[in-house]
Amino acid sequence: MPEPNFFESVYEVARLIPKGRVTSYGAIAAHLGTKGSSRMVGWAMQAAGGAHPPVPAHRVVNREGVLTAKFHFGGNLMQTLLENEGVKVENDQVQDFKNVFWDPMTELAL
């Protein structure tokens, strides 16, 4: 079986983020061994709408917990999806970020 492409590898990690938790573009990139490619992870998240099985792209934020991809969801959908999972968001920023942050480097074995 061929190696999955980069976007599919990103999606595989994103699908493992538990409900009520968030991770960052950079954390996914680091887990994949491509630490400098957080922007590419962002591009993957932008393209995730058509992925099957679905990708919980709303759980991926920037390294400070800011909902930088919010406009791709339209309106406040990203915030609403996170809040429906118990993640508090104020002014487009995840509150208590350190406690809801899910780090694939420590949570998943390579």
PDB file of N, CA and C in Angstrom:
ATOM      1  N   MET A   1       0.850  -1.181   0.000  1.00  0.00           N
ATOM      2  CA  MET A   1       0.000   0.000   0.000  1.00  0.00           C
ATOM      3  C   MET A   1       0.895   1.243   0.000  1.00  0.00           C
ATOM      4  N   PRO A   2       0.609   2.244  -0.861  1.00  0.00           N
ATOM      5  CA  PRO A   2       1.473   3.419  -0.938  1.00  0.00           C
ATOM      6  C   PRO A   2       1.351   4.299   0.307  1.00  0.00           C
ATOM      7  N   GLU A   3       2.416   5.081   0.553  1.00  0.00           N
ATOM      8  CA  GLU A   3       2.399   6.026   1.669  1.00  0.00           C
ATOM      9  C   GLU A   3       1.304   7.068   1.418  1.00  0.00           C
ATOM     10  N   PRO A   4       0.566   7.455   2.454  1.00  0.00           N
ATOM     11  CA  PRO A   4      -0.445   8.502   2.249  1.00  0.00           C
ATOM     12  C   PRO A   4       0.245   9.835   1.970  1.00  0.00           C
ATOM     13  N   ASN A   5      -0.435  10.702   1.219  1.00  0.00           N
ATOM     14  CA  ASN A   5       0.174  12.000   0.959  1.00  0.00           C
ATOM     15  C   ASN A   5       0.123  12.859   2.221  1.00  0.00           C
ATOM     16  N   PHE A   6       0.768  14.016   2.186  1.00  0.00           N
ATOM     17  CA  PHE A   6       0.890  14.857   3.368  1.00  0.00           C
ATOM     18  C   PHE A   6      -0.476  15.241   3.931  1.00  0.00           C
ATOM     19  N   PHE A   7      -1.397  15.677   3.067  1.00  0.00           N
ATOM     20  CA  PHE A   7      -2.719  16.076   3.553  1.00  0.00           C
ATOM     21  C   PHE A   7      -3.397  14.912   4.267  1.00  0.00           C
ATOM     22  N   GLU A   8      -3.323  13.719   3.696  1.00  0.00           N
ATOM     23  CA  GLU A   8      -3.953  12.561   4.339  1.00  0.00           C
ATOM     24  C   GLU A   8      -3.300  12.254   5.683  1.00  0.00           C
ATOM     25  N   SER A   9      -1.992  12.429   5.773  1.00  0.00           N
ATOM     26  CA  SER A   9      -1.305  12.218   7.056  1.00  0.00           C
ATOM     27  C   SER A   9      -1.796  13.227   8.086  1.00  0.00           C
ATOM     28  N   VAL A  10      -1.968  14.473   7.671  1.00  0.00           N
ATOM     29  CA  VAL A  10      -2.505  15.509   8.558  1.00  0.00           C
ATOM     30  C   VAL A  10      -3.906  15.117   9.018  1.00  0.00           C
ATOM     31  N   TYR A  11      -4.728  14.654   8.090  1.00  0.00           N
ATOM     32  CA  TYR A  11      -6.111  14.281   8.426  1.00  0.00           C
ATOM     33  C   TYR A  11      -6.145  13.117   9.409  1.00  0.00           C
ATOM     34  N   GLU A  12      -5.243  12.167   9.236  1.00  0.00           N
ATOM     35  CA  GLU A  12      -5.193  11.026  10.154  1.00  0.00           C
ATOM     36  C   GLU A  12      -4.938  11.489  11.586  1.00  0.00           C
ATOM     37  N   VAL A  13      -4.030  12.447  11.755  1.00  0.00           N
ATOM     38  CA  VAL A  13      -3.742  12.978  13.094  1.00  0.00           C
ATOM     39  C   VAL A  13      -4.935  13.777  13.602  1.00  0.00           C
ATOM     40  N   ALA A  14      -5.474  14.652  12.760  1.00  0.00           N
ATOM     41  CA  ALA A  14      -6.596  15.501  13.189  1.00  0.00           C
ATOM     42  C   ALA A  14      -7.802  14.676  13.620  1.00  0.00           C
ATOM     43  N   ARG A  15      -8.029  13.553  12.960  1.00  0.00           N
ATOM     44  CA  ARG A  15      -9.172  12.705  13.326  1.00  0.00           C
ATOM     45  C   ARG A  15      -9.015  12.092  14.720  1.00  0.00           C
ATOM     46  N   LEU A  16      -7.815  12.113  15.252  1.00  0.00           N
ATOM     47  CA  LEU A  16      -7.552  11.533  16.572  1.00  0.00           C
ATOM     48  C   LEU A  16      -7.703  12.543  17.715  1.00  0.00           C
ATOM     49  N   ILE A  17      -7.868  13.818  17.384  1.00  0.00           N
ATOM     50  CA  ILE A  17      -8.029  14.836  18.428  1.00  0.00           C
ATOM     51  C   ILE A  17      -9.345  14.571  19.151  1.00  0.00           C
ATOM     52  N   PRO A  18      -9.293  14.354  20.456  1.00  0.00           N
ATOM     53  CA  PRO A  18     -10.532  14.056  21.186  1.00  0.00           C
ATOM     54  C   PRO A  18     -11.482  15.251  21.223  1.00  0.00           C
ATOM     55  N   LYS A  19     -12.766  14.969  21.305  1.00  0.00           N
ATOM     56  CA  LYS A  19     -13.757  16.037  21.496  1.00  0.00           C
ATOM     57  C   LYS A  19     -13.401  16.795  22.759  1.00  0.00           C
ATOM     58  N   GLY A  20     -13.582  18.098  22.698  1.00  0.00           N
ATOM     59  CA  GLY A  20     -13.287  18.934  23.849  1.00  0.00           C
ATOM     60  C   GLY A  20     -11.827  19.304  23.988  1.00  0.00           C
ATOM     61  N   ARG A  21     -11.015  18.961  22.999  1.00  0.00           N
ATOM     62  CA  ARG A  21      -9.579  19.269  23.008  1.00  0.00           C
ATOM     63  C   ARG A  21      -9.230  19.965  21.691  1.00  0.00           C
ATOM     64  N   VAL A  22      -8.108  20.657  21.670  1.00  0.00           N
ATOM     65  CA  VAL A  22      -7.607  21.302  20.451  1.00  0.00           C
ATOM     66  C   VAL A  22      -6.119  21.023  20.323  1.00  0.00           C
ATOM     67  N   THR A  23      -5.614  21.169  19.114  1.00  0.00           N
ATOM     68  CA  THR A  23      -4.177  21.115  18.876  1.00  0.00           C
ATOM     69  C   THR A  23      -3.825  22.238  17.926  1.00  0.00           C
ATOM     70  N   SER A  24      -2.549  22.367  17.624  1.00  0.00           N
ATOM     71  CA  SER A  24      -2.110  23.450  16.746  1.00  0.00           C
ATOM     72  C   SER A  24      -1.565  22.883  15.436  1.00  0.00           C
ATOM     73  N   TYR A  25      -1.494  23.771  14.460  1.00  0.00           N
ATOM     74  CA  TYR A  25      -0.914  23.390  13.169  1.00  0.00           C
ATOM     75  C   TYR A  25       0.510  22.898  13.365  1.00  0.00           C
ATOM     76  N   GLY A  26       1.266  23.626  14.173  1.00  0.00           N
ATOM     77  CA  GLY A  26       2.657  23.272  14.418  1.00  0.00           C
ATOM     78  C   GLY A  26       2.825  21.949  15.133  1.00  0.00           C
ATOM     79  N   ALA A  27       1.905  21.633  16.057  1.00  0.00           N
ATOM     80  CA  ALA A  27       1.989  20.358  16.777  1.00  0.00           C
ATOM     81  C   ALA A  27       1.767  19.185  15.824  1.00  0.00           C
ATOM     82  N   ILE A  28       0.848  19.352  14.888  1.00  0.00           N
ATOM     83  CA  ILE A  28       0.613  18.294  13.902  1.00  0.00           C
ATOM     84  C   ILE A  28       1.853  18.162  13.008  1.00  0.00           C
ATOM     85  N   ALA A  29       2.389  19.290  12.554  1.00  0.00           N
ATOM     86  CA  ALA A  29       3.583  19.260  11.695  1.00  0.00           C
ATOM     87  C   ALA A  29       4.748  18.580  12.413  1.00  0.00           C
ATOM     88  N   ALA A  30       4.963  18.930  13.672  1.00  0.00           N
ATOM     89  CA  ALA A  30       6.066  18.329  14.438  1.00  0.00           C
ATOM     90  C   ALA A  30       5.867  16.828  14.579  1.00  0.00           C
ATOM     91  N   HIS A  31       4.637  16.404  14.849  1.00  0.00           N
ATOM     92  CA  HIS A  31       4.357  14.971  14.985  1.00  0.00           C
ATOM     93  C   HIS A  31       4.672  14.218  13.692  1.00  0.00           C
ATOM     94  N   LEU A  32       4.420  14.874  12.564  1.00  0.00           N
ATOM     95  CA  LEU A  32       4.665  14.236  11.267  1.00  0.00           C
ATOM     96  C   LEU A  32       6.126  14.314  10.847  1.00  0.00           C
ATOM     97  N   GLY A  33       6.964  14.942  11.688  1.00  0.00           N
ATOM     98  CA  GLY A  33       8.376  15.041  11.368  1.00  0.00           C
ATOM     99  C   GLY A  33       8.710  16.151  10.400  1.00  0.00           C
ATOM    100  N   THR A  34       7.786  17.088  10.247  1.00  0.00           N
ATOM    101  CA  THR A  34       7.982  18.223   9.340  1.00  0.00           C
ATOM    102  C   THR A  34       7.724  19.516  10.104  1.00  0.00           C
ATOM    103  N   LYS A  35       8.508  19.731  11.142  1.00  0.00           N
ATOM    104  CA  LYS A  35       8.280  20.814  12.090  1.00  0.00           C
ATOM    105  C   LYS A  35       8.048  22.181  11.449  1.00  0.00           C
ATOM    106  N   GLY A  36       8.710  22.493  10.369  1.00  0.00           N
ATOM    107  CA  GLY A  36       8.562  23.801   9.734  1.00  0.00           C
ATOM    108  C   GLY A  36       7.384  23.928   8.788  1.00  0.00           C
ATOM    109  N   SER A  37       6.513  22.959   8.770  1.00  0.00           N
ATOM    110  CA  SER A  37       5.447  22.965   7.761  1.00  0.00           C
ATOM    111  C   SER A  37       4.057  23.249   8.336  1.00  0.00           C
ATOM    112  N   SER A  38       3.982  24.051   9.387  1.00  0.00           N
ATOM    113  CA  SER A  38       2.667  24.336   9.966  1.00  0.00           C
ATOM    114  C   SER A  38       1.752  25.036   8.965  1.00  0.00           C
ATOM    115  N   ARG A  39       2.297  25.830   8.078  1.00  0.00           N
ATOM    116  CA  ARG A  39       1.474  26.495   7.055  1.00  0.00           C
ATOM    117  C   ARG A  39       0.843  25.450   6.121  1.00  0.00           C
ATOM    118  N   MET A  40       1.604  24.412   5.786  1.00  0.00           N
ATOM    119  CA  MET A  40       1.045  23.340   4.947  1.00  0.00           C
ATOM    120  C   MET A  40      -0.058  22.594   5.677  1.00  0.00           C
ATOM    121  N   VAL A  41       0.080  22.439   6.993  1.00  0.00           N
ATOM    122  CA  VAL A  41      -0.994  21.826   7.784  1.00  0.00           C
ATOM    123  C   VAL A  41      -2.237  22.703   7.682  1.00  0.00           C
ATOM    124  N   GLY A  42      -2.047  24.016   7.732  1.00  0.00           N
ATOM    125  CA  GLY A  42      -3.168  24.939   7.559  1.00  0.00           C
ATOM    126  C   GLY A  42      -3.839  24.774   6.210  1.00  0.00           C
ATOM    127  N   TRP A  43      -3.045  24.615   5.161  1.00  0.00           N
ATOM    128  CA  TRP A  43      -3.611  24.389   3.832  1.00  0.00           C
ATOM    129  C   TRP A  43      -4.409  23.087   3.799  1.00  0.00           C
ATOM    130  N   ALA A  44      -3.873  22.076   4.458  1.00  0.00           N
ATOM    131  CA  ALA A  44      -4.593  20.808   4.527  1.00  0.00           C
ATOM    132  C   ALA A  44      -5.939  20.988   5.228  1.00  0.00           C
ATOM    133  N   MET A  45      -5.945  21.760   6.307  1.00  0.00           N
ATOM    134  CA  MET A  45      -7.195  21.987   7.038  1.00  0.00           C
ATOM    135  C   MET A  45      -8.194  22.743   6.167  1.00  0.00           C
ATOM    136  N   GLN A  46      -7.702  23.685   5.354  1.00  0.00           N
ATOM    137  CA  GLN A  46      -8.596  24.416   4.446  1.00  0.00           C
ATOM    138  C   GLN A  46      -9.257  23.485   3.446  1.00  0.00           C
ATOM    139  N   ALA A  47      -8.542  22.444   3.046  1.00  0.00           N
ATOM    140  CA  ALA A  47      -9.046  21.502   2.038  1.00  0.00           C
ATOM    141  C   ALA A  47      -9.790  20.318   2.659  1.00  0.00           C
ATOM    142  N   ALA A  48      -9.931  20.305   3.973  1.00  0.00           N
ATOM    143  CA  ALA A  48     -10.483  19.138   4.667  1.00  0.00           C
ATOM    144  C   ALA A  48     -11.978  18.954   4.500  1.00  0.00           C
ATOM    145  N   GLY A  49     -12.668  19.955   4.007  1.00  0.00           N
ATOM    146  CA  GLY A  49     -14.123  19.872   3.895  1.00  0.00           C
ATOM    147  C   GLY A  49     -14.627  18.688   3.091  1.00  0.00           C
ATOM    148  N   GLY A  50     -13.868  18.269   2.096  1.00  0.00           N
ATOM    149  CA  GLY A  50     -14.294  17.154   1.260  1.00  0.00           C
ATOM    150  C   GLY A  50     -13.688  15.820   1.645  1.00  0.00           C
ATOM    151  N   ALA A  51     -12.949  15.788   2.746  1.00  0.00           N
ATOM    152  CA  ALA A  51     -12.274  14.554   3.154  1.00  0.00           C
ATOM    153  C   ALA A  51     -13.257  13.552   3.745  1.00  0.00           C
ATOM    154  N   HIS A  52     -12.991  12.274   3.465  1.00  0.00           N
ATOM    155  CA  HIS A  52     -13.803  11.189   4.029  1.00  0.00           C
ATOM    156  C   HIS A  52     -12.873  10.150   4.617  1.00  0.00           C
ATOM    157  N   PRO A  53     -13.085   9.728   5.859  1.00  0.00           N
ATOM    158  CA  PRO A  53     -14.102  10.244   6.776  1.00  0.00           C
ATOM    159  C   PRO A  53     -13.841  11.706   7.128  1.00  0.00           C
ATOM    160  N   PRO A  54     -14.849  12.375   7.680  1.00  0.00           N
ATOM    161  CA  PRO A  54     -14.719  13.804   7.996  1.00  0.00           C
ATOM    162  C   PRO A  54     -13.547  14.093   8.934  1.00  0.00           C
ATOM    163  N   VAL A  55     -13.027  15.306   8.813  1.00  0.00           N
ATOM    164  CA  VAL A  55     -11.907  15.773   9.630  1.00  0.00           C
ATOM    165  C   VAL A  55     -12.422  16.872  10.561  1.00  0.00           C
ATOM    166  N   PRO A  56     -12.183  16.763  11.864  1.00  0.00           N
ATOM    167  CA  PRO A  56     -12.631  17.808  12.793  1.00  0.00           C
ATOM    168  C   PRO A  56     -11.680  19.008  12.756  1.00  0.00           C
ATOM    169  N   ALA A  57     -11.651  19.701  11.630  1.00  0.00           N
ATOM    170  CA  ALA A  57     -10.722  20.812  11.420  1.00  0.00           C
ATOM    171  C   ALA A  57     -10.939  21.940  12.433  1.00  0.00           C
ATOM    172  N   HIS A  58     -12.119  22.020  13.013  1.00  0.00           N
ATOM    173  CA  HIS A  58     -12.389  23.070  13.998  1.00  0.00           C
ATOM    174  C   HIS A  58     -11.546  22.910  15.257  1.00  0.00           C
ATOM    175  N   ARG A  59     -10.957  21.744  15.457  1.00  0.00           N
ATOM    176  CA  ARG A  59     -10.122  21.487  16.638  1.00  0.00           C
ATOM    177  C   ARG A  59      -8.660  21.871  16.427  1.00  0.00           C
ATOM    178  N   VAL A  60      -8.333  22.440  15.277  1.00  0.00           N
ATOM    179  CA  VAL A  60      -6.954  22.836  14.993  1.00  0.00           C
ATOM    180  C   VAL A  60      -6.889  24.364  14.971  1.00  0.00           C
ATOM    181  N   VAL A  61      -6.059  24.914  15.854  1.00  0.00           N
ATOM    182  CA  VAL A  61      -5.937  26.361  16.028  1.00  0.00           C
ATOM    183  C   VAL A  61      -4.461  26.747  15.934  1.00  0.00           C
ATOM    184  N   ASN A  62      -4.171  28.035  16.065  1.00  0.00           N
ATOM    185  CA  ASN A  62      -2.759  28.398  16.004  1.00  0.00           C
ATOM    186  C   ASN A  62      -2.084  28.139  17.351  1.00  0.00           C
ATOM    187  N   ARG A  63      -0.798  28.385  17.429  1.00  0.00           N
ATOM    188  CA  ARG A  63      -0.018  28.010  18.617  1.00  0.00           C
ATOM    189  C   ARG A  63      -0.408  28.767  19.870  1.00  0.00           C
ATOM    190  N   GLU A  64      -1.196  29.826  19.724  1.00  0.00           N
ATOM    191  CA  GLU A  64      -1.662  30.594  20.884  1.00  0.00           C
ATOM    192  C   GLU A  64      -3.133  30.326  21.193  1.00  0.00           C
ATOM    193  N   GLY A  65      -3.727  29.417  20.444  1.00  0.00           N
ATOM    194  CA  GLY A  65      -5.132  29.091  20.667  1.00  0.00           C
ATOM    195  C   GLY A  65      -6.114  29.989  19.946  1.00  0.00           C
ATOM    196  N   VAL A  66      -5.630  30.767  18.987  1.00  0.00           N
ATOM    197  CA  VAL A  66      -6.489  31.674  18.240  1.00  0.00           C
ATOM    198  C   VAL A  66      -7.144  30.931  17.072  1.00  0.00           C
ATOM    199  N   LEU A  67      -8.417  31.215  16.850  1.00  0.00           N
ATOM    200  CA  LEU A  67      -9.175  30.585  15.767  1.00  0.00           C
ATOM    201  C   LEU A  67      -8.839  31.281  14.445  1.00  0.00           C
ATOM    202  N   THR A  68      -7.633  31.101  13.958  1.00  0.00           N
ATOM    203  CA  THR A  68      -7.177  31.793  12.750  1.00  0.00           C
ATOM    204  C   THR A  68      -7.898  31.320  11.493  1.00  0.00           C
ATOM    205  N   ALA A  69      -8.476  30.142  11.509  1.00  0.00           N
ATOM    206  CA  ALA A  69      -9.171  29.612  10.328  1.00  0.00           C
ATOM    207  C   ALA A  69     -10.667  29.876  10.386  1.00  0.00           C
ATOM    208  N   LYS A  70     -11.100  30.660  11.312  1.00  0.00           N
ATOM    209  CA  LYS A  70     -12.522  30.908  11.546  1.00  0.00           C
ATOM    210  C   LYS A  70     -13.275  31.303  10.272  1.00  0.00           C
ATOM    211  N   PHE A  71     -12.669  32.158   9.451  1.00  0.00           N
ATOM    212  CA  PHE A  71     -13.370  32.634   8.260  1.00  0.00           C
ATOM    213  C   PHE A  71     -13.640  31.522   7.258  1.00  0.00           C
ATOM    214  N   HIS A  72     -12.876  30.425   7.307  1.00  0.00           N
ATOM    215  CA  HIS A  72     -13.123  29.303   6.399  1.00  0.00           C
ATOM    216  C   HIS A  72     -14.393  28.545   6.780  1.00  0.00           C
ATOM    217  N   PHE A  73     -14.806  28.671   8.024  1.00  0.00           N
ATOM    218  CA  PHE A  73     -16.017  27.993   8.487  1.00  0.00           C
ATOM    219  C   PHE A  73     -17.253  28.843   8.251  1.00  0.00           C
ATOM    220  N   GLY A  74     -17.081  30.133   8.101  1.00  0.00           N
ATOM    221  CA  GLY A  74     -18.196  31.045   7.924  1.00  0.00           C
ATOM    222  C   GLY A  74     -18.800  31.432   9.265  1.00  0.00           C
ATOM    223  N   GLY A  75     -18.974  32.716   9.467  1.00  0.00           N
ATOM    224  CA  GLY A  75     -19.573  33.204  10.709  1.00  0.00           C
ATOM    225  C   GLY A  75     -18.812  32.720  11.933  1.00  0.00           C
ATOM    226  N   ASN A  76     -19.563  32.266  12.922  1.00  0.00           N
ATOM    227  CA  ASN A  76     -18.963  31.780  14.166  1.00  0.00           C
ATOM    228  C   ASN A  76     -19.037  30.264  14.289  1.00  0.00           C
ATOM    229  N   LEU A  77     -19.121  29.560  13.166  1.00  0.00           N
ATOM    230  CA  LEU A  77     -19.298  28.103  13.203  1.00  0.00           C
ATOM    231  C   LEU A  77     -18.153  27.399  13.924  1.00  0.00           C
ATOM    232  N   MET A  78     -16.919  27.815  13.686  1.00  0.00           N
ATOM    233  CA  MET A  78     -15.781  27.166  14.348  1.00  0.00           C
ATOM    234  C   MET A  78     -15.918  27.295  15.864  1.00  0.00           C
ATOM    235  N   GLN A  79     -16.230  28.490  16.327  1.00  0.00           N
ATOM    236  CA  GLN A  79     -16.416  28.719  17.765  1.00  0.00           C
ATOM    237  C   GLN A  79     -17.580  27.902  18.292  1.00  0.00           C
ATOM    238  N   THR A  80     -18.677  27.886  17.567  1.00  0.00           N
ATOM    239  CA  THR A  80     -19.853  27.127  18.001  1.00  0.00           C
ATOM    240  C   THR A  80     -19.541  25.646  18.129  1.00  0.00           C
ATOM    241  N   LEU A  81     -18.836  25.087  17.136  1.00  0.00           N
ATOM    242  CA  LEU A  81     -18.477  23.668  17.186  1.00  0.00           C
ATOM    243  C   LEU A  81     -17.604  23.364  18.401  1.00  0.00           C
ATOM    244  N   LEU A  82     -16.638  24.234  18.677  1.00  0.00           N
ATOM    245  CA  LEU A  82     -15.777  24.037  19.845  1.00  0.00           C
ATOM    246  C   LEU A  82     -16.569  24.163  21.141  1.00  0.00           C
ATOM    247  N   GLU A  83     -17.409  25.172  21.229  1.00  0.00           N
ATOM    248  CA  GLU A  83     -18.195  25.369  22.450  1.00  0.00           C
ATOM    249  C   GLU A  83     -19.161  24.215  22.679  1.00  0.00           C
ATOM    250  N   ASN A  84     -19.688  23.638  21.599  1.00  0.00           N
ATOM    251  CA  ASN A  84     -20.573  22.471  21.737  1.00  0.00           C
ATOM    252  C   ASN A  84     -19.844  21.271  22.316  1.00  0.00           C
ATOM    253  N   GLU A  85     -18.506  21.286  22.231  1.00  0.00           N
ATOM    254  CA  GLU A  85     -17.685  20.218  22.801  1.00  0.00           C
ATOM    255  C   GLU A  85     -17.131  20.595  24.172  1.00  0.00           C
ATOM    256  N   GLY A  86     -17.523  21.766  24.679  1.00  0.00           N
ATOM    257  CA  GLY A  86     -17.096  22.188  26.005  1.00  0.00           C
ATOM    258  C   GLY A  86     -15.854  23.060  26.040  1.00  0.00           C
ATOM    259  N   VAL A  87     -15.346  23.464  24.868  1.00  0.00           N
ATOM    260  CA  VAL A  87     -14.177  24.339  24.810  1.00  0.00           C
ATOM    261  C   VAL A  87     -14.660  25.782  24.892  1.00  0.00           C
ATOM    262  N   LYS A  88     -14.149  26.530  25.855  1.00  0.00           N
ATOM    263  CA  LYS A  88     -14.525  27.928  26.009  1.00  0.00           C
ATOM    264  C   LYS A  88     -13.700  28.789  25.058  1.00  0.00           C
ATOM    265  N   VAL A  89     -14.397  29.684  24.349  1.00  0.00           N
ATOM    266  CA  VAL A  89     -13.752  30.581  23.397  1.00  0.00           C
ATOM    267  C   VAL A  89     -14.235  31.998  23.672  1.00  0.00           C
ATOM    268  N   GLU A  90     -13.294  32.920  23.796  1.00  0.00           N
ATOM    269  CA  GLU A  90     -13.625  34.340  23.948  1.00  0.00           C
ATOM    270  C   GLU A  90     -12.747  35.138  23.013  1.00  0.00           C
ATOM    271  N   ASN A  91     -13.374  36.078  22.296  1.00  0.00           N
ATOM    272  CA  ASN A  91     -12.631  36.931  21.351  1.00  0.00           C
ATOM    273  C   ASN A  91     -11.770  36.098  20.404  1.00  0.00           C
ATOM    274  N   ASP A  92     -12.352  35.041  19.872  1.00  0.00           N
ATOM    275  CA  ASP A  92     -11.691  34.153  18.901  1.00  0.00           C
ATOM    276  C   ASP A  92     -10.458  33.455  19.461  1.00  0.00           C
ATOM    277  N   GLN A  93     -10.395  33.276  20.771  1.00  0.00           N
ATOM    278  CA  GLN A  93      -9.255  32.585  21.377  1.00  0.00           C
ATOM    279  C   GLN A  93      -9.743  31.546  22.374  1.00  0.00           C
ATOM    280  N   VAL A  94      -9.158  30.343  22.271  1.00  0.00           N
ATOM    281  CA  VAL A  94      -9.476  29.256  23.194  1.00  0.00           C
ATOM    282  C   VAL A  94      -9.020  29.655  24.594  1.00  0.00           C
ATOM    283  N   GLN A  95      -9.918  29.534  25.550  1.00  0.00           N
ATOM    284  CA  GLN A  95      -9.599  29.828  26.939  1.00  0.00           C
ATOM    285  C   GLN A  95      -9.044  28.567  27.598  1.00  0.00           C
ATOM    286  N   ASP A  96      -8.208  28.747  28.585  1.00  0.00           N
ATOM    287  CA  ASP A  96      -7.589  27.614  29.285  1.00  0.00           C
ATOM    288  C   ASP A  96      -6.864  26.701  28.291  1.00  0.00           C
ATOM    289  N   PHE A  97      -6.184  27.351  27.340  1.00  0.00           N
ATOM    290  CA  PHE A  97      -5.550  26.657  26.220  1.00  0.00           C
ATOM    291  C   PHE A  97      -4.611  25.538  26.676  1.00  0.00           C
ATOM    292  N   LYS A  98      -3.809  25.780  27.699  1.00  0.00           N
ATOM    293  CA  LYS A  98      -2.859  24.755  28.150  1.00  0.00           C
ATOM    294  C   LYS A  98      -3.556  23.481  28.598  1.00  0.00           C
ATOM    295  N   ASN A  99      -4.728  23.609  29.196  1.00  0.00           N
ATOM    296  CA  ASN A  99      -5.433  22.425  29.692  1.00  0.00           C
ATOM    297  C   ASN A  99      -6.237  21.690  28.627  1.00  0.00           C
ATOM    298  N   VAL A 100      -6.644  22.380  27.570  1.00  0.00           N
ATOM    299  CA  VAL A 100      -7.402  21.698  26.510  1.00  0.00           C
ATOM    300  C   VAL A 100      -6.519  21.323  25.325  1.00  0.00           C
ATOM    301  N   PHE A 101      -5.242  21.735  25.382  1.00  0.00           N
ATOM    302  CA  PHE A 101      -4.325  21.421  24.293  1.00  0.00           C
ATOM    303  C   PHE A 101      -4.002  19.927  24.272  1.00  0.00           C
ATOM    304  N   TRP A 102      -4.101  19.341  23.100  1.00  0.00           N
ATOM    305  CA  TRP A 102      -3.787  17.923  22.883  1.00  0.00           C
ATOM    306  C   TRP A 102      -2.538  17.874  22.011  1.00  0.00           C
ATOM    307  N   ASP A 103      -1.466  17.313  22.543  1.00  0.00           N
ATOM    308  CA  ASP A 103      -0.192  17.260  21.824  1.00  0.00           C
ATOM    309  C   ASP A 103       0.013  15.872  21.232  1.00  0.00           C
ATOM    310  N   PRO A 104      -0.060  15.754  19.902  1.00  0.00           N
ATOM    311  CA  PRO A 104       0.119  14.430  19.300  1.00  0.00           C
ATOM    312  C   PRO A 104       1.493  13.820  19.562  1.00  0.00           C
ATOM    313  N   MET A 105       2.486  14.658  19.839  1.00  0.00           N
ATOM    314  CA  MET A 105       3.828  14.122  20.119  1.00  0.00           C
ATOM    315  C   MET A 105       3.832  13.299  21.403  1.00  0.00           C
ATOM    316  N   THR A 106       3.036  13.694  22.372  1.00  0.00           N
ATOM    317  CA  THR A 106       2.998  12.962  23.645  1.00  0.00           C
ATOM    318  C   THR A 106       1.840  11.978  23.711  1.00  0.00           C
ATOM    319  N   GLU A 107       0.799  12.228  22.924  1.00  0.00           N
ATOM    320  CA  GLU A 107      -0.388  11.371  22.976  1.00  0.00           C
ATOM    321  C   GLU A 107      -0.345  10.191  22.012  1.00  0.00           C
ATOM    322  N   LEU A 108       0.465  10.311  20.969  1.00  0.00           N
ATOM    323  CA  LEU A 108       0.520   9.266  19.938  1.00  0.00           C
ATOM    324  C   LEU A 108       1.947   8.757  19.783  1.00  0.00           C
ATOM    325  N   ALA A 109       2.084   7.507  19.538  1.00  0.00           N
ATOM    326  CA  ALA A 109       3.398   6.935  19.216  1.00  0.00           C
ATOM    327  C   ALA A 109       3.602   7.029  17.722  1.00  0.00           C
ATOM    328  N   LEU A 110       4.797   7.405  17.321  1.00  0.00           N
ATOM    329  CA  LEU A 110       5.093   7.488  15.888  1.00  0.00           C
ATOM    330  C   LEU A 110       5.142   6.123  15.249  1.00  0.00           C
TER     331      LEU A 110
END
